[in-house]
Amino acid sequence: MGSISTGHHAALVGLGVYRPRRVVTNEEVCEHLEVDADWVTARSGITSRRFAGADETMVAMASAAATEALASAGLTPAEVGVTLVATMSSDTAAPQVATRVADAVGAAGAAMDLGAACAGFCYALEVAAALVDAGHGAVLVVGVERMSDIVDPGDRSTAFLFGDGAGAAVVGPSEEIGIGPVAWGADGSQADLIVQSPTWVEARTATERPALRMQGPAVFRWATSRMVPLAREALEKAGCKTEQLAAFVPHQANARITDGLVKALQLPEHVAVARDVVTTGNTSAASVPLAIDALLAAGEVRPGDLALLVGFGAGLTFAGQVLRL
């Protein structure tokens, strides 16, 4: 079993997820697009995704995942020092999702939302680990999205990619280093590659509702080039080699992006690669914890194994770290 030589004396001590009940096939998505199901699969690797129902609100999904994560960690809500919620599809600007989730699960302490789009969960893990190091106790981290609320069903660049769901993790103190140093950054010079348009201010006078718009080819080129040095930086900071990894968990954006990263990083064959995107779609800030859960549930990895996480998305934002599952 490999080790992390530098990083935080904090670790993932619990994990929980929530997947909406409704499964949406490519055939259903394509009813609104001038493409067929095979085109969607070839372009993205996605065969289905989940859409949340009216009762599967942001708070409901996040709370379900959080409750499961706390039970997995063997902690009570009263032991939570801080609740962090990463999301880009919040149903309100105020009140924040995090305060309502903390209330729903009975978590004590502070609560705040963190907006870093699809890199949100990885950003939140670094913040959580730093909070644990600073003595704030256990931190509840949730990635939750209702992307179906912000995607135009008639937009060929986004409609087939996204799904809904929630994933949560509890980060707590650890005698051993459980979360490696983060490699992260942002590039606002390319902010126009992924935008919500029109803005909420513009929408007051526009006839169309704000929806996610993406320059797909440009995002693909950026992700498959910029994320490779990011992943290597995260490994170097953690003092870890690819041979020590048991899993690679990139943001579940697109199966073709994942394939490109795996090839460029020359990962050993024993490294399990998260491919939850095939049946879950791109769930933005929820994708990394959902993908970790899928690997554990399938028995492809075990608790204690080392995994390399990489998140990237609108902003543009990006982050990666090595952690012990």
Protein backbone atom coordinates (compact mmCIF):
# COMPACT_ATOMS: atom_id res chain seq x y z
CA MET A 1 0.00 0.00 0.00
CA GLY A 2 1.37 3.39 -0.98
CA SER A 3 1.73 6.43 1.25
CA ILE A 4 1.44 10.21 1.03
CA SER A 5 4.65 11.89 2.19
CA THR A 6 3.36 15.45 2.59
CA GLY A 7 -0.04 17.00 3.16
CA HIS A 8 -2.75 17.31 5.78
CA HIS A 9 -3.23 15.28 8.95
CA ALA A 10 -6.84 14.97 7.83
CA ALA A 11 -8.56 12.13 6.05
CA LEU A 12 -11.77 11.06 4.37
CA VAL A 13 -13.52 9.17 7.15
CA GLY A 14 -16.99 8.79 5.63
CA LEU A 15 -18.72 8.86 2.25
CA GLY A 16 -22.36 9.09 1.15
CA VAL A 17 -24.22 9.63 -2.11
CA TYR A 18 -27.66 10.30 -3.49
CA ARG A 19 -28.67 9.37 -7.04
CA PRO A 20 -32.09 10.63 -8.23
CA ARG A 21 -34.72 8.01 -9.00
CA ARG A 22 -35.38 8.89 -12.62
CA VAL A 23 -33.05 7.42 -15.25
CA VAL A 24 -32.98 9.42 -18.49
CA THR A 25 -31.76 7.61 -21.61
CA ASN A 26 -30.03 9.10 -24.63
CA GLU A 27 -33.16 8.41 -26.64
CA GLU A 28 -35.18 10.64 -24.33
CA VAL A 29 -32.59 13.43 -24.39
CA CYS A 30 -32.41 13.27 -28.19
CA GLU A 31 -36.12 13.97 -28.52
CA HIS A 32 -35.16 17.66 -28.17
CA LEU A 33 -32.00 17.50 -30.30
CA GLU A 34 -31.32 16.94 -34.00
CA VAL A 35 -29.01 14.00 -33.23
CA ASP A 36 -29.49 10.33 -32.38
CA ALA A 37 -28.56 8.29 -29.32
CA ASP A 38 -25.53 6.71 -31.00
CA TRP A 39 -24.10 10.17 -31.75
CA VAL A 40 -24.37 11.08 -28.07
CA THR A 41 -22.61 7.89 -26.96
CA ALA A 42 -19.84 8.31 -29.52
CA ARG A 43 -19.26 11.93 -28.58
CA SER A 44 -19.42 11.60 -24.79
CA GLY A 45 -19.45 7.94 -23.77
CA ILE A 46 -22.67 8.64 -21.86
CA THR A 47 -25.58 6.20 -22.17
CA SER A 48 -27.84 7.58 -19.41
CA ARG A 49 -28.05 10.09 -16.59
CA ARG A 50 -30.35 10.87 -13.62
CA PHE A 51 -32.73 13.83 -13.42
CA ALA A 52 -34.11 14.95 -10.07
CA GLY A 53 -37.85 15.03 -9.45
CA ALA A 54 -39.78 17.86 -7.83
CA ASP A 55 -39.23 16.39 -4.36
CA GLU A 56 -35.52 15.78 -4.95
CA THR A 57 -34.46 19.32 -4.16
CA MET A 58 -30.91 20.52 -3.68
CA VAL A 59 -31.32 20.34 0.08
CA ALA A 60 -33.07 16.96 0.01
CA MET A 61 -30.38 15.31 -2.12
CA ALA A 62 -27.50 16.94 -0.24
CA SER A 63 -28.99 16.03 3.14
CA ALA A 64 -29.49 12.40 2.12
CA ALA A 65 -25.86 12.11 0.99
CA ALA A 66 -24.63 13.94 4.10
CA THR A 67 -26.60 11.72 6.47
CA GLU A 68 -25.14 8.63 4.81
CA ALA A 69 -21.62 10.07 5.02
CA LEU A 70 -21.97 10.82 8.74
CA ALA A 71 -23.26 7.31 9.39
CA SER A 72 -20.33 5.91 7.41
CA ALA A 73 -17.94 7.97 9.53
CA GLY A 74 -19.62 6.94 12.77
CA LEU A 75 -20.12 10.57 13.73
CA THR A 76 -23.12 12.47 15.01
CA PRO A 77 -24.20 15.76 13.38
CA ALA A 78 -23.23 17.54 16.60
CA GLU A 79 -19.60 16.63 15.92
CA VAL A 80 -19.53 18.60 12.65
CA GLY A 81 -17.56 21.83 12.95
CA VAL A 82 -18.18 23.18 9.46
CA THR A 83 -20.49 22.28 6.56
CA LEU A 84 -19.27 23.09 3.03
CA VAL A 85 -21.50 22.71 -0.02
CA ALA A 86 -19.95 22.88 -3.48
CA THR A 87 -22.45 23.65 -6.24
CA MET A 88 -23.02 25.66 -9.40
CA SER A 89 -26.78 25.10 -9.64
CA SER A 90 -28.00 26.55 -6.34
CA ASP A 91 -31.74 27.14 -6.26
CA THR A 92 -31.23 30.47 -4.46
CA ALA A 93 -28.44 32.98 -3.95
CA ALA A 94 -29.75 33.46 -0.41
CA PRO A 95 -30.15 31.58 1.80
CA GLN A 96 -27.15 29.42 0.95
CA VAL A 97 -27.63 25.71 0.37
CA ALA A 98 -25.09 24.86 3.09
CA THR A 99 -26.99 26.54 5.91
CA ARG A 100 -30.16 24.67 4.99
CA VAL A 101 -28.33 21.35 4.67
CA ALA A 102 -26.66 21.84 8.05
CA ASP A 103 -30.06 22.54 9.57
CA ALA A 104 -31.66 19.54 7.86
CA VAL A 105 -29.07 17.08 9.20
CA GLY A 106 -28.64 18.81 12.56
CA ALA A 107 -25.00 19.73 11.97
CA ALA A 108 -23.41 22.20 14.35
CA GLY A 109 -20.95 24.95 13.56
CA ALA A 110 -20.45 27.17 10.52
CA ALA A 111 -21.83 26.59 7.02
CA MET A 112 -21.11 28.08 3.63
CA ASP A 113 -21.44 27.43 -0.10
CA LEU A 114 -18.35 27.14 -2.28
CA GLY A 115 -18.63 28.01 -5.96
CA ALA A 116 -15.91 26.50 -8.15
CA ALA A 117 -18.17 24.66 -10.62
CA CYS A 118 -16.97 21.17 -11.56
CA ALA A 119 -13.77 21.61 -9.53
CA GLY A 120 -15.87 22.47 -6.48
CA PHE A 121 -15.53 19.18 -4.59
CA CYS A 122 -11.73 19.14 -4.94
CA TYR A 123 -11.56 22.80 -3.88
CA ALA A 124 -13.79 22.02 -0.89
CA LEU A 125 -11.61 19.06 0.15
CA GLU A 126 -8.59 21.35 0.41
CA VAL A 127 -10.56 23.91 2.42
CA ALA A 128 -11.92 21.14 4.66
CA ALA A 129 -8.47 19.64 5.26
CA ALA A 130 -7.09 23.08 6.17
CA LEU A 131 -9.99 23.64 8.58
CA VAL A 132 -9.32 20.28 10.23
CA ASP A 133 -5.62 21.18 10.53
CA ALA A 134 -6.68 24.45 12.18
CA GLY A 135 -8.62 22.59 14.85
CA HIS A 136 -12.20 23.05 13.66
CA GLY A 137 -13.09 19.38 14.09
CA ALA A 138 -14.85 17.28 11.48
CA VAL A 139 -15.92 19.00 8.27
CA LEU A 140 -18.88 17.87 6.18
CA VAL A 141 -18.23 18.37 2.45
CA VAL A 142 -21.10 18.04 -0.04
CA GLY A 143 -21.14 18.32 -3.82
CA VAL A 144 -24.71 18.65 -5.09
CA GLU A 145 -26.21 19.64 -8.43
CA ARG A 146 -29.51 19.88 -10.25
CA MET A 147 -27.90 20.53 -13.62
CA SER A 148 -31.22 19.78 -15.31
CA ASP A 149 -32.41 23.13 -13.93
CA ILE A 150 -29.73 25.14 -15.72
CA VAL A 151 -29.30 23.25 -19.01
CA ASP A 152 -31.28 24.10 -22.14
CA PRO A 153 -32.80 20.78 -23.37
CA GLY A 154 -32.46 22.01 -26.94
CA ASP A 155 -28.75 22.93 -26.74
CA ARG A 156 -26.66 20.34 -28.60
CA SER A 157 -23.48 21.37 -26.76
CA THR A 158 -24.75 20.66 -23.24
CA ALA A 159 -28.15 18.93 -23.09
CA PHE A 160 -26.88 15.36 -23.33
CA LEU A 161 -23.91 15.80 -20.99
CA PHE A 162 -25.37 16.70 -17.63
CA GLY A 163 -27.19 14.94 -14.82
CA ASP A 164 -28.23 15.48 -11.21
CA GLY A 165 -27.07 14.03 -7.90
CA ALA A 166 -25.18 14.53 -4.66
CA GLY A 167 -22.08 13.16 -3.00
CA ALA A 168 -20.80 13.88 0.50
CA ALA A 169 -17.66 13.19 2.48
CA VAL A 170 -16.66 13.70 6.08
CA VAL A 171 -13.12 14.99 6.55
CA GLY A 172 -11.71 14.45 10.03
CA PRO A 173 -8.43 14.53 11.99
CA SER A 174 -5.97 11.72 11.27
CA GLU A 175 -2.68 10.62 12.80
CA GLU A 176 -1.43 9.84 9.30
CA ILE A 177 -1.44 12.14 6.29
CA GLY A 178 -4.66 11.31 4.48
CA ILE A 179 -5.02 14.17 2.00
CA GLY A 180 -2.08 15.38 -0.04
CA PRO A 181 -1.29 19.02 -0.89
CA VAL A 182 -3.60 20.48 -3.51
CA ALA A 183 -2.46 21.55 -6.95
CA TRP A 184 -4.97 24.12 -8.09
CA GLY A 185 -5.60 27.31 -9.95
CA ALA A 186 -7.96 29.38 -12.06
CA ASP A 187 -7.83 30.94 -15.51
CA GLY A 188 -10.34 33.73 -15.87
CA SER A 189 -8.93 34.64 -19.28
CA GLN A 190 -10.92 31.68 -20.64
CA ALA A 191 -14.05 32.28 -18.59
CA ASP A 192 -16.15 32.57 -21.76
CA LEU A 193 -15.68 28.88 -22.59
CA ILE A 194 -18.38 27.86 -20.09
CA VAL A 195 -20.99 30.46 -19.16
CA GLN A 196 -24.55 30.82 -17.95
CA SER A 197 -26.26 33.06 -20.48
CA PRO A 198 -28.12 35.34 -20.33
CA THR A 199 -27.06 36.37 -16.83
CA TRP A 200 -29.74 36.69 -14.16
CA VAL A 201 -29.55 40.48 -14.55
CA GLU A 202 -29.90 40.26 -18.33
CA ALA A 203 -32.73 37.75 -17.98
CA ARG A 204 -34.96 40.41 -16.48
CA THR A 205 -35.43 41.82 -19.97
CA ALA A 206 -34.65 38.70 -22.06
CA THR A 207 -37.16 36.16 -23.33
CA GLU A 208 -34.90 33.15 -22.69
CA ARG A 209 -34.04 31.79 -19.25
CA PRO A 210 -30.41 31.60 -18.10
CA ALA A 211 -28.85 28.34 -19.24
CA LEU A 212 -25.39 26.81 -19.38
CA ARG A 213 -23.54 27.41 -22.66
CA MET A 214 -20.26 25.73 -23.52
CA GLN A 215 -17.67 25.84 -26.26
CA GLY A 216 -17.21 22.07 -26.25
CA PRO A 217 -14.18 21.59 -28.57
CA ALA A 218 -12.21 24.33 -26.81
CA VAL A 219 -13.03 22.90 -23.37
CA PHE A 220 -11.98 19.43 -24.57
CA ARG A 221 -8.61 20.73 -25.80
CA TRP A 222 -8.04 22.67 -22.58
CA ALA A 223 -8.93 19.77 -20.29
CA THR A 224 -6.87 17.15 -22.08
CA SER A 225 -3.80 19.40 -22.12
CA ARG A 226 -3.90 21.46 -18.91
CA MET A 227 -5.03 18.63 -16.58
CA VAL A 228 -2.05 16.42 -17.36
CA PRO A 229 0.57 18.76 -15.78
CA LEU A 230 -1.91 19.46 -12.96
CA ALA A 231 -2.17 15.74 -12.16
CA ARG A 232 1.60 15.38 -12.23
CA GLU A 233 1.98 18.37 -9.93
CA ALA A 234 -0.47 16.84 -7.43
CA LEU A 235 1.47 13.56 -7.46
CA GLU A 236 4.80 15.36 -6.99
CA LYS A 237 3.49 17.46 -4.11
CA ALA A 238 2.21 14.32 -2.37
CA GLY A 239 5.50 12.48 -2.97
CA CYS A 240 3.56 9.80 -4.77
CA LYS A 241 4.23 7.90 -8.00
CA THR A 242 1.59 6.55 -10.37
CA GLU A 243 2.65 3.01 -9.41
CA GLN A 244 1.43 3.66 -5.86
CA LEU A 245 -2.05 4.66 -6.98
CA ALA A 246 -5.01 2.32 -6.82
CA ALA A 247 -7.41 4.71 -8.55
CA PHE A 248 -7.67 7.73 -10.81
CA VAL A 249 -10.83 9.78 -10.28
CA PRO A 250 -11.09 12.68 -12.70
CA HIS A 251 -14.15 14.91 -12.87
CA GLN A 252 -16.70 12.94 -14.85
CA ALA A 253 -17.03 15.42 -17.71
CA ASN A 254 -16.81 13.21 -20.74
CA ALA A 255 -15.51 9.68 -21.33
CA ARG A 256 -13.28 10.90 -24.16
CA ILE A 257 -11.58 13.41 -21.84
CA THR A 258 -10.98 10.66 -19.28
CA ASP A 259 -9.49 8.38 -21.95
CA GLY A 260 -7.20 11.19 -23.11
CA LEU A 261 -5.95 11.85 -19.57
CA VAL A 262 -5.32 8.17 -18.85
CA LYS A 263 -3.30 7.82 -22.04
CA ALA A 264 -1.27 10.98 -21.47
CA LEU A 265 -0.50 10.09 -17.84
CA GLN A 266 0.52 6.55 -18.85
CA LEU A 267 -1.21 5.07 -15.82
CA PRO A 268 -0.30 1.47 -14.93
CA GLU A 269 -2.90 -1.15 -15.80
CA HIS A 270 -3.64 -1.88 -12.13
CA VAL A 271 -4.97 1.66 -11.56
CA ALA A 272 -8.79 1.63 -11.55
CA VAL A 273 -10.21 4.51 -13.59
CA ALA A 274 -13.53 6.07 -12.58
CA ARG A 275 -16.04 5.91 -15.43
CA ASP A 276 -19.24 6.78 -13.59
CA VAL A 277 -20.00 9.30 -16.35
CA VAL A 278 -21.33 6.47 -18.54
CA THR A 279 -24.51 6.02 -16.50
CA THR A 280 -24.53 9.21 -14.40
CA GLY A 281 -23.49 11.92 -16.84
CA ASN A 282 -21.65 15.05 -15.81
CA THR A 283 -22.88 16.04 -12.36
CA SER A 284 -20.42 18.91 -11.93
CA ALA A 285 -19.43 19.32 -8.25
CA ALA A 286 -21.08 15.99 -7.36
CA SER A 287 -19.19 13.93 -9.92
CA VAL A 288 -16.02 13.11 -7.97
CA PRO A 289 -17.68 11.75 -4.80
CA LEU A 290 -20.25 9.86 -6.88
CA ALA A 291 -17.42 8.32 -8.91
CA ILE A 292 -15.47 7.35 -5.78
CA ASP A 293 -18.58 5.65 -4.41
CA ALA A 294 -19.08 3.75 -7.66
CA LEU A 295 -15.51 2.40 -7.56
CA LEU A 296 -15.87 1.29 -3.94
CA ALA A 297 -19.29 -0.27 -4.55
CA ALA A 298 -17.94 -2.26 -7.51
CA GLY A 299 -15.01 -3.52 -5.45
CA GLU A 300 -12.47 -1.95 -7.82
CA VAL A 301 -10.83 -0.19 -4.87
CA ARG A 302 -10.85 -0.61 -1.10
CA PRO A 303 -10.77 1.77 1.85
CA GLY A 304 -7.15 2.71 2.50
CA ASP A 305 -6.19 2.76 -1.18
CA LEU A 306 -4.60 5.85 -2.71
CA ALA A 307 -6.51 7.80 -5.35
CA LEU A 308 -5.61 10.76 -7.52
CA LEU A 309 -8.50 13.22 -7.87
CA VAL A 310 -8.71 15.87 -10.58
CA GLY A 311 -11.50 18.43 -10.93
CA PHE A 312 -11.93 21.04 -13.64
CA GLY A 313 -14.69 23.26 -14.92
CA ALA A 314 -16.24 26.67 -15.45
CA GLY A 315 -14.29 29.69 -14.34
CA LEU A 316 -12.05 28.15 -15.48
CA THR A 317 -11.17 26.35 -12.24
CA PHE A 318 -9.05 23.27 -11.66
CA ALA A 319 -7.69 21.27 -8.72
CA GLY A 320 -6.12 17.92 -7.96
CA GLN A 321 -4.90 16.02 -4.92
CA VAL A 322 -3.89 12.55 -3.80
CA LEU A 323 -5.89 11.11 -0.94
CA ARG A 324 -6.45 7.88 0.91
CA LEU A 325 -9.94 6.53 0.29
